[in-house]
Amino acid sequence: MNPSVFALCPSWRTLLAAWLVGGMAWSVHTALQAQTPAAPASAAKAALTVQVVSPQIGQMPIVLSAGGNIAAWQEASIGAEAQGLRLAELRADVGDRVEKGQVLALLVQDVVKAELAQAEAAWAEALAQSAQTAADAQRARGLEGSGALSAQAIAQYATAEQTALARVAAAEARVATERLRLGHTEVRAPDAGVISSRSATVGAVPGSGSELFRLIRQGRLEWRAEVPSAELGRLKPGMKGVLKTPGGTEVEGTVRKIGPTVDAITRNGLVYVDLPGTVGGAHGDALRAGMFVRGEFRLASRSVSTVPASAVLLRDGFDVVMQVRDDQRVSQVKVRVLGRQSDRVAVDGLPPDARVVARGGAFLADGDTVRVVSNASK
C-alpha cells in the first residue's frame, strides 16, 4: 500500500492498534476460563442436628377429655293455681335463694276472703238447721209405737235429719275449698333453691298454671359431658370428673349417672357429673347454668410409655412423632395419646428402644437426614 495513504489517513493506525489490544485481552480471558474449575451442579442438602430420646416407662393417670354444658340438676316451674286473680305483690327476684314454702308472690285476696266468709256463714246456718232436724227426729222416734205419729211421719223426720247432715257436709266442703283458694293466693316455693327466671309482673292476671317463676332445685348444678360412645364403657358412677372454669379454676365433680342413649348424629352419650357447692356458693361466680366448659375424667393409673410433650406433633389430624432410624433418616410414626401430665405425654405405638426427636420435629419431613448429637434428658 502506498505510504502516502497512511499519511493521508491517520485513523488507520488507531484502528490497527485497537484491534491488536482487543485480541490480546480475549486470549487472556480464554486462558483464565480454562484454568477455573466448574461449580458443582447442586450442593448436598445439609442434615438437621437433633437430640433424641427413648420412651420412658412410668405410672400416669389416664384421662378422658370431654366437653359439655353446665345445667341445673332439676328445675321447677312455679305457677299460679288460683284463676282470675291479679298479682298484688312480688317477694322474690332472679338470683334470690329461697327456702321451701317461702312466699314468692301474693295475689289479691279480697274477693276470696269475701267468698270464704259467705261459705262459713252458710256452714253455720247448715249446722243450726241440722241441729234442729236432729232434735225433731229424736222426738219423733220417741213417739214411735205410741200412735201419736204415723210411721210415715217418723220416716219424714228421719229423712229431714239426713238431708240436713248432707247440707252441713256440703257447706263444710265449700268452706274448705274457699280456704284452699285463699291459700293459693300465696305463691310458694315447692323446694329450696335459687330463682333462675321470673315472668311475673305486678298487676297482671295470670291464668291457672301459667309460669311465674323458675327455680333451680336446691341450687344444684351438674356438668352434662358429651363423651364418644366408644369411650362410655370406661366410665362408671362414682368416678371423678375435673372441669376448668372460664377463670382457669379447676372444679372436681362426681359422675352421677351415664345416659342410656347415644345421639344418632354425633355418636356421643351424656355423662351427668354432680358439681360441689350450689349456685351462688363456692363456685357460683364461675359456673352458671348454660355455660359450655371442657374437662376430663381421671381413670385408673397404669404403666405407660411417655415422651416429652415437645416430641408429639399434630399432622393431618393425627398425633405423630419423628423416629430416627439406623440410617440417620427420620420416619413419621403415628401414636395414640393416652394422657398428659405436666410436660410428659403418655403414648401407645412406640417400641421401648425407639429413638424419637425430642424437639424441632415440626421442621422435619418423612425421610429427612438428621445428625444426632448427645441424647436429650429424659
Protein backbone atom coordinates (compact mmCIF):
# COMPACT_ATOMS: atom_id res chain seq x y z
CA MET A 1 0.00 0.00 0.00
CA ASN A 2 1.20 3.46 -0.76
CA PRO A 3 2.73 5.04 2.35
CA SER A 4 1.08 8.22 1.37
CA VAL A 5 -2.25 6.65 2.18
CA PHE A 6 -1.25 6.22 5.86
CA ALA A 7 -0.08 9.76 5.86
CA LEU A 8 -3.41 10.92 4.50
CA CYS A 9 -5.50 8.61 6.83
CA PRO A 10 -4.02 8.55 10.33
CA SER A 11 -7.19 6.82 11.68
CA TRP A 12 -5.98 3.52 10.17
CA ARG A 13 -3.14 3.45 12.65
CA THR A 14 -5.62 3.93 15.57
CA LEU A 15 -7.89 1.12 14.38
CA LEU A 16 -4.98 -1.26 13.97
CA ALA A 17 -3.74 -0.62 17.50
CA ALA A 18 -7.21 -1.21 18.98
CA TRP A 19 -7.54 -4.48 17.10
CA LEU A 20 -4.23 -5.75 18.43
CA VAL A 21 -5.09 -4.85 22.08
CA GLY A 22 -8.57 -6.48 21.90
CA GLY A 23 -7.12 -9.72 20.56
CA MET A 24 -4.65 -9.95 23.39
CA ALA A 25 -7.40 -9.38 26.03
CA TRP A 26 -9.59 -12.15 24.54
CA SER A 27 -6.69 -14.58 24.67
CA VAL A 28 -6.05 -13.85 28.35
CA HIS A 29 -9.80 -14.27 29.22
CA THR A 30 -9.94 -17.62 27.45
CA ALA A 31 -6.91 -18.90 29.29
CA LEU A 32 -8.32 -17.90 32.66
CA GLN A 33 -11.60 -19.66 31.92
CA ALA A 34 -9.76 -22.84 31.03
CA GLN A 35 -7.94 -22.77 34.41
CA THR A 36 -11.12 -22.12 36.61
CA PRO A 37 -12.88 -25.38 37.81
CA ALA A 38 -16.61 -25.68 37.07
CA ALA A 39 -19.05 -25.14 40.02
CA PRO A 40 -20.95 -28.24 41.18
CA ALA A 41 -24.43 -28.60 39.77
CA SER A 42 -26.07 -28.74 43.20
CA ALA A 43 -24.85 -28.67 46.77
CA ALA A 44 -25.62 -31.61 49.03
CA LYS A 45 -28.51 -30.98 51.44
CA ALA A 46 -27.23 -30.23 54.92
CA ALA A 47 -28.51 -32.54 57.73
CA LEU A 48 -30.52 -31.05 60.65
CA THR A 49 -28.91 -31.52 64.05
CA VAL A 50 -31.34 -33.08 66.55
CA GLN A 51 -31.44 -34.59 70.00
CA VAL A 52 -33.26 -37.87 70.52
CA VAL A 53 -34.95 -39.53 73.48
CA SER A 54 -36.32 -43.00 74.14
CA PRO A 55 -39.76 -43.69 75.66
CA GLN A 56 -39.74 -43.74 79.44
CA ILE A 57 -41.92 -46.19 81.39
CA GLY A 58 -43.82 -44.72 84.29
CA GLN A 59 -47.13 -44.51 86.11
CA MET A 60 -49.51 -41.91 84.74
CA PRO A 61 -53.22 -41.34 85.38
CA ILE A 62 -55.12 -41.87 82.15
CA VAL A 63 -57.66 -39.13 81.46
CA LEU A 64 -60.55 -38.87 79.04
CA SER A 65 -61.25 -35.37 77.73
CA ALA A 66 -64.80 -34.17 77.10
CA GLY A 67 -66.88 -31.06 76.71
CA GLY A 68 -70.43 -30.24 77.72
CA ASN A 69 -72.90 -27.78 79.18
CA ILE A 70 -73.46 -26.75 82.76
CA ALA A 71 -77.14 -27.29 83.61
CA ALA A 72 -79.44 -27.23 86.59
CA TRP A 73 -79.82 -30.59 88.31
CA GLN A 74 -83.58 -30.06 88.26
CA GLU A 75 -85.72 -27.03 87.52
CA ALA A 76 -89.18 -26.43 88.99
CA SER A 77 -91.80 -24.36 87.19
CA ILE A 78 -93.80 -22.31 89.71
CA GLY A 79 -97.18 -21.02 88.59
CA ALA A 80 -100.40 -19.54 89.94
CA GLU A 81 -103.03 -22.08 90.96
CA ALA A 82 -105.78 -19.51 91.59
CA GLN A 83 -107.56 -18.27 88.48
CA GLY A 84 -108.74 -14.79 87.60
CA LEU A 85 -106.86 -13.01 90.41
CA ARG A 86 -104.50 -10.08 89.99
CA LEU A 87 -100.88 -10.16 91.15
CA ALA A 88 -100.61 -7.76 94.07
CA GLU A 89 -97.01 -8.21 95.28
CA LEU A 90 -93.74 -9.93 94.29
CA ARG A 91 -91.39 -11.04 97.03
CA ALA A 92 -88.64 -12.79 95.03
CA ASP A 93 -86.48 -11.98 92.04
CA VAL A 94 -83.95 -13.68 89.77
CA GLY A 95 -80.93 -14.93 91.69
CA ASP A 96 -82.63 -14.99 95.10
CA ARG A 97 -82.08 -18.02 97.28
CA VAL A 98 -85.37 -19.20 98.74
CA GLU A 99 -86.48 -21.85 101.22
CA LYS A 100 -89.17 -24.46 100.81
CA GLY A 101 -92.59 -22.92 101.46
CA GLN A 102 -91.37 -19.33 101.23
CA VAL A 103 -93.92 -16.88 99.76
CA LEU A 104 -92.73 -15.65 96.36
CA ALA A 105 -95.77 -13.64 95.26
CA LEU A 106 -99.19 -12.56 96.53
CA LEU A 107 -102.45 -12.41 94.57
CA VAL A 108 -105.32 -10.10 95.51
CA GLN A 109 -107.22 -11.77 98.38
CA ASP A 110 -110.28 -9.53 98.89
CA VAL A 111 -112.66 -11.49 96.67
CA VAL A 112 -111.55 -14.85 98.01
CA LYS A 113 -111.85 -13.68 101.63
CA ALA A 114 -115.39 -12.44 100.98
CA GLU A 115 -116.41 -15.74 99.40
CA LEU A 116 -114.84 -17.60 102.31
CA ALA A 117 -116.85 -15.58 104.80
CA GLN A 118 -120.02 -16.33 102.85
CA ALA A 119 -119.20 -20.03 102.82
CA GLU A 120 -118.54 -20.03 106.56
CA ALA A 121 -121.92 -18.32 107.18
CA ALA A 122 -123.68 -20.92 105.06
CA TRP A 123 -121.90 -23.64 107.00
CA ALA A 124 -123.05 -22.16 110.31
CA GLU A 125 -126.63 -21.99 109.02
CA ALA A 126 -126.45 -25.60 107.88
CA LEU A 127 -125.18 -26.64 111.30
CA ALA A 128 -128.10 -24.89 113.01
CA GLN A 129 -130.65 -26.48 110.72
CA SER A 130 -129.02 -29.85 111.22
CA ALA A 131 -129.25 -29.50 114.98
CA GLN A 132 -132.97 -28.61 114.70
CA THR A 133 -133.82 -31.51 112.40
CA ALA A 134 -131.81 -33.89 114.57
CA ALA A 135 -133.87 -32.85 117.62
CA ASP A 136 -137.15 -33.25 115.73
CA ALA A 137 -136.12 -36.68 114.50
CA GLN A 138 -135.18 -37.71 118.02
CA ARG A 139 -138.60 -36.68 119.39
CA ALA A 140 -140.37 -38.49 116.53
CA ARG A 141 -138.50 -41.68 117.29
CA GLY A 142 -139.55 -41.35 120.93
CA LEU A 143 -143.19 -41.37 119.91
CA GLU A 144 -142.79 -44.43 117.74
CA GLY A 145 -145.32 -47.09 118.80
CA SER A 146 -147.48 -44.65 120.75
CA GLY A 147 -149.77 -43.98 117.83
CA ALA A 148 -149.27 -40.21 118.13
CA LEU A 149 -147.31 -40.16 114.84
CA SER A 150 -147.67 -42.37 111.86
CA ALA A 151 -144.77 -44.41 110.61
CA GLN A 152 -144.66 -42.21 107.51
CA ALA A 153 -144.27 -39.03 109.57
CA ILE A 154 -141.49 -40.58 111.62
CA ALA A 155 -139.72 -41.57 108.41
CA GLN A 156 -140.03 -38.00 107.09
CA TYR A 157 -138.36 -36.65 110.24
CA ALA A 158 -135.50 -39.13 109.80
CA THR A 159 -135.09 -38.16 106.15
CA ALA A 160 -135.01 -34.46 107.05
CA GLU A 161 -132.28 -35.22 109.59
CA GLN A 162 -130.13 -36.96 106.96
CA THR A 163 -130.72 -34.16 104.46
CA ALA A 164 -129.60 -31.56 107.00
CA LEU A 165 -126.43 -33.55 107.69
CA ALA A 166 -125.67 -33.67 103.96
CA ARG A 167 -126.12 -29.91 103.72
CA VAL A 168 -123.68 -29.46 106.58
CA ALA A 169 -121.12 -31.62 104.79
CA ALA A 170 -121.59 -29.66 101.55
CA ALA A 171 -121.21 -26.34 103.38
CA GLU A 172 -118.11 -27.62 105.14
CA ALA A 173 -116.59 -28.71 101.82
CA ARG A 174 -117.27 -25.30 100.33
CA VAL A 175 -115.51 -23.65 103.26
CA ALA A 176 -112.51 -25.94 102.74
CA THR A 177 -112.48 -25.03 99.05
CA GLU A 178 -112.53 -21.31 99.75
CA ARG A 179 -109.77 -21.69 102.34
CA LEU A 180 -107.73 -23.58 99.74
CA ARG A 181 -108.32 -20.79 97.22
CA LEU A 182 -107.20 -18.28 99.83
CA GLY A 183 -104.02 -20.30 100.31
CA HIS A 184 -103.46 -20.30 96.54
CA THR A 185 -103.30 -16.52 96.60
CA GLU A 186 -99.85 -17.04 98.12
CA VAL A 187 -97.43 -18.43 95.53
CA ARG A 188 -94.91 -20.50 97.49
CA ALA A 189 -91.61 -22.22 96.63
CA PRO A 190 -92.07 -26.01 96.31
CA ASP A 191 -88.46 -26.62 97.33
CA ALA A 192 -85.36 -24.75 98.45
CA GLY A 193 -83.22 -23.37 95.65
CA VAL A 194 -82.35 -20.37 93.53
CA ILE A 195 -84.76 -18.41 91.31
CA SER A 196 -83.43 -18.70 87.75
CA SER A 197 -86.15 -16.74 85.93
CA ARG A 198 -89.20 -14.60 86.68
CA SER A 199 -92.06 -13.83 84.32
CA ALA A 200 -94.46 -12.50 86.96
CA THR A 201 -95.50 -8.83 86.76
CA VAL A 202 -97.38 -6.85 89.38
CA GLY A 203 -100.90 -6.07 88.17
CA ALA A 204 -101.10 -8.96 85.71
CA VAL A 205 -103.86 -11.57 85.93
CA PRO A 206 -102.10 -14.89 85.29
CA GLY A 207 -104.05 -17.89 84.10
CA SER A 208 -104.26 -21.05 86.14
CA GLY A 209 -100.97 -22.95 85.81
CA SER A 210 -99.13 -20.18 83.95
CA GLU A 211 -95.46 -19.97 84.93
CA LEU A 212 -94.44 -17.12 87.21
CA PHE A 213 -91.01 -18.30 88.40
CA ARG A 214 -88.47 -20.97 87.53
CA LEU A 215 -86.48 -22.49 90.37
CA ILE A 216 -83.17 -24.41 90.34
CA ARG A 217 -83.99 -27.03 92.93
CA GLN A 218 -81.59 -27.00 95.89
CA GLY A 219 -79.33 -24.76 93.80
CA ARG A 220 -77.58 -27.85 92.43
CA LEU A 221 -75.68 -27.73 89.15
CA GLU A 222 -74.33 -30.57 87.04
CA TRP A 223 -71.99 -30.96 84.08
CA ARG A 224 -73.53 -32.84 81.17
CA ALA A 225 -70.41 -34.04 79.41
CA GLU A 226 -70.60 -35.37 75.85
CA VAL A 227 -68.42 -38.49 75.55
CA PRO A 228 -67.87 -40.61 72.40
CA SER A 229 -69.88 -43.81 72.53
CA ALA A 230 -66.69 -45.91 72.20
CA GLU A 231 -65.40 -44.42 75.49
CA LEU A 232 -68.58 -44.67 77.59
CA GLY A 233 -67.65 -48.15 78.80
CA ARG A 234 -64.60 -46.73 80.57
CA LEU A 235 -66.74 -44.55 82.84
CA LYS A 236 -68.76 -45.60 85.87
CA PRO A 237 -70.80 -43.76 88.53
CA GLY A 238 -68.60 -42.51 91.34
CA MET A 239 -65.61 -41.63 89.13
CA LYS A 240 -64.15 -38.14 89.35
CA GLY A 241 -64.50 -35.53 86.65
CA VAL A 242 -62.46 -32.32 86.61
CA LEU A 243 -63.51 -29.29 84.59
CA LYS A 244 -61.99 -25.87 84.15
CA THR A 245 -63.97 -22.70 84.70
CA PRO A 246 -63.53 -19.75 82.34
CA GLY A 247 -61.35 -18.19 85.02
CA GLY A 248 -58.98 -21.18 84.99
CA THR A 249 -60.11 -22.70 88.29
CA GLU A 250 -60.41 -26.48 88.44
CA VAL A 251 -63.64 -27.88 89.85
CA GLU A 252 -63.94 -31.57 90.73
CA GLY A 253 -67.26 -33.37 90.44
CA THR A 254 -68.57 -36.91 90.71
CA VAL A 255 -70.18 -38.97 87.96
CA ARG A 256 -73.82 -39.42 89.00
CA LYS A 257 -75.07 -41.48 86.08
CA ILE A 258 -74.39 -42.28 82.43
CA GLY A 259 -77.13 -41.58 79.91
CA PRO A 260 -78.84 -44.68 78.48
CA THR A 261 -78.88 -43.38 74.88
CA VAL A 262 -76.39 -42.10 72.29
CA ASP A 263 -77.06 -39.29 69.83
CA ALA A 264 -77.57 -40.78 66.38
CA ILE A 265 -75.77 -37.87 64.67
CA THR A 266 -72.82 -37.06 66.92
CA ARG A 267 -72.44 -40.61 68.32
CA ASN A 268 -71.90 -39.05 71.74
CA GLY A 269 -73.54 -40.03 75.02
CA LEU A 270 -74.25 -37.82 78.02
CA VAL A 271 -72.46 -38.31 81.33
CA TYR A 272 -74.05 -36.48 84.28
CA VAL A 273 -71.50 -35.11 86.76
CA ASP A 274 -72.64 -33.64 90.08
CA LEU A 275 -70.75 -30.47 90.98
CA PRO A 276 -69.87 -29.40 94.52
CA GLY A 277 -71.47 -26.39 96.13
CA THR A 278 -74.54 -24.66 94.79
CA VAL A 279 -75.45 -21.71 92.62
CA GLY A 280 -74.02 -18.65 94.33
CA GLY A 281 -71.86 -20.89 96.54
CA ALA A 282 -68.14 -21.61 96.33
CA HIS A 283 -68.16 -21.72 92.54
CA GLY A 284 -71.34 -19.73 91.95
CA ASP A 285 -69.50 -16.86 90.27
CA ALA A 286 -67.59 -19.21 87.98
CA LEU A 287 -70.17 -21.81 86.97
CA ARG A 288 -73.57 -20.88 85.63
CA ALA A 289 -76.30 -22.93 84.00
CA GLY A 290 -76.00 -22.83 80.22
CA MET A 291 -72.21 -22.44 80.07
CA PHE A 292 -70.09 -24.74 77.88
CA VAL A 293 -66.91 -25.98 79.56
CA ARG A 294 -64.28 -28.58 78.86
CA GLY A 295 -62.94 -31.08 81.34
CA GLU A 296 -61.62 -34.57 81.78
CA PHE A 297 -62.33 -37.79 83.61
CA ARG A 298 -59.50 -39.30 85.62
CA LEU A 299 -59.27 -43.02 85.07
CA ALA A 300 -57.08 -45.53 86.93
CA SER A 301 -53.30 -45.14 86.64
CA ARG A 302 -51.25 -47.70 84.72
CA SER A 303 -47.75 -48.24 83.34
CA VAL A 304 -47.34 -46.35 80.09
CA SER A 305 -44.62 -45.15 77.74
CA THR A 306 -44.09 -41.42 77.98
CA VAL A 307 -42.19 -38.94 75.83
CA PRO A 308 -41.69 -35.19 76.19
CA ALA A 309 -44.67 -33.13 75.07
CA SER A 310 -42.42 -31.34 72.57
CA ALA A 311 -41.86 -34.63 70.72
CA VAL A 312 -45.55 -35.15 69.84
CA LEU A 313 -46.80 -33.34 66.74
CA LEU A 314 -50.23 -32.98 65.19
CA ARG A 315 -50.27 -33.62 61.43
CA ASP A 316 -53.27 -34.26 59.22
CA GLY A 317 -55.42 -34.78 62.29
CA PHE A 318 -53.16 -37.47 63.79
CA ASP A 319 -50.67 -37.44 66.68
CA VAL A 320 -47.21 -38.35 65.36
CA VAL A 321 -43.57 -38.47 66.45
CA MET A 322 -40.42 -38.34 64.32
CA GLN A 323 -38.44 -41.55 64.87
CA VAL A 324 -34.74 -41.72 63.86
CA ARG A 325 -33.76 -44.91 62.04
CA ASP A 326 -30.31 -46.54 62.00
CA ASP A 327 -29.51 -44.85 58.66
CA GLN A 328 -29.96 -41.45 60.35
CA ARG A 329 -33.17 -40.74 58.48
CA VAL A 330 -36.45 -39.92 60.19
CA SER A 331 -39.76 -41.72 59.86
CA GLN A 332 -43.10 -40.21 60.78
CA VAL A 333 -44.84 -42.63 63.19
CA LYS A 334 -48.48 -42.33 64.29
CA VAL A 335 -49.11 -42.74 68.01
CA ARG A 336 -52.17 -42.74 70.24
CA VAL A 337 -52.09 -40.21 73.05
CA LEU A 338 -53.31 -41.80 76.29
CA GLY A 339 -52.92 -38.81 78.56
CA ARG A 340 -50.88 -35.77 79.51
CA GLN A 341 -49.25 -34.78 82.75
CA SER A 342 -47.10 -31.70 83.11
CA ASP A 343 -44.54 -31.82 80.24
CA ARG A 344 -44.91 -35.57 79.57
CA VAL A 345 -47.30 -37.33 77.21
CA ALA A 346 -48.34 -40.97 77.53
CA VAL A 347 -48.37 -42.62 74.09
CA ASP A 348 -49.10 -46.02 72.60
CA GLY A 349 -47.48 -47.34 69.41
CA LEU A 350 -43.73 -46.95 70.06
CA PRO A 351 -41.21 -49.75 70.78
CA PRO A 352 -39.23 -49.32 74.03
CA ASP A 353 -35.93 -48.75 72.17
CA ALA A 354 -37.29 -46.18 69.72
CA ARG A 355 -35.24 -43.03 69.19
CA VAL A 356 -37.55 -40.04 68.96
CA VAL A 357 -36.66 -36.45 68.04
CA ALA A 358 -37.04 -34.54 71.29
CA ARG A 359 -37.85 -31.14 69.80
CA GLY A 360 -37.84 -29.41 66.45
CA GLY A 361 -39.66 -32.24 64.71
CA ALA A 362 -42.02 -29.74 63.10
CA PHE A 363 -39.16 -28.75 60.76
CA LEU A 364 -38.65 -32.33 59.54
CA ALA A 365 -40.37 -34.36 56.86
CA ASP A 366 -40.57 -38.10 56.43
CA GLY A 367 -37.23 -39.36 55.05
CA ASP A 368 -35.09 -36.33 56.00
CA THR A 369 -31.50 -36.99 57.02
CA VAL A 370 -30.51 -35.78 60.50
CA ARG A 371 -27.36 -35.59 62.56
CA VAL A 372 -27.83 -36.90 66.09
CA VAL A 373 -25.98 -35.21 68.94
CA SER A 374 -25.97 -36.28 72.56
CA ASN A 375 -29.35 -37.52 73.76
CA ALA A 376 -31.69 -35.06 75.39
CA SER A 377 -32.55 -35.51 79.02
CA LYS A 378 -35.40 -37.89 79.61
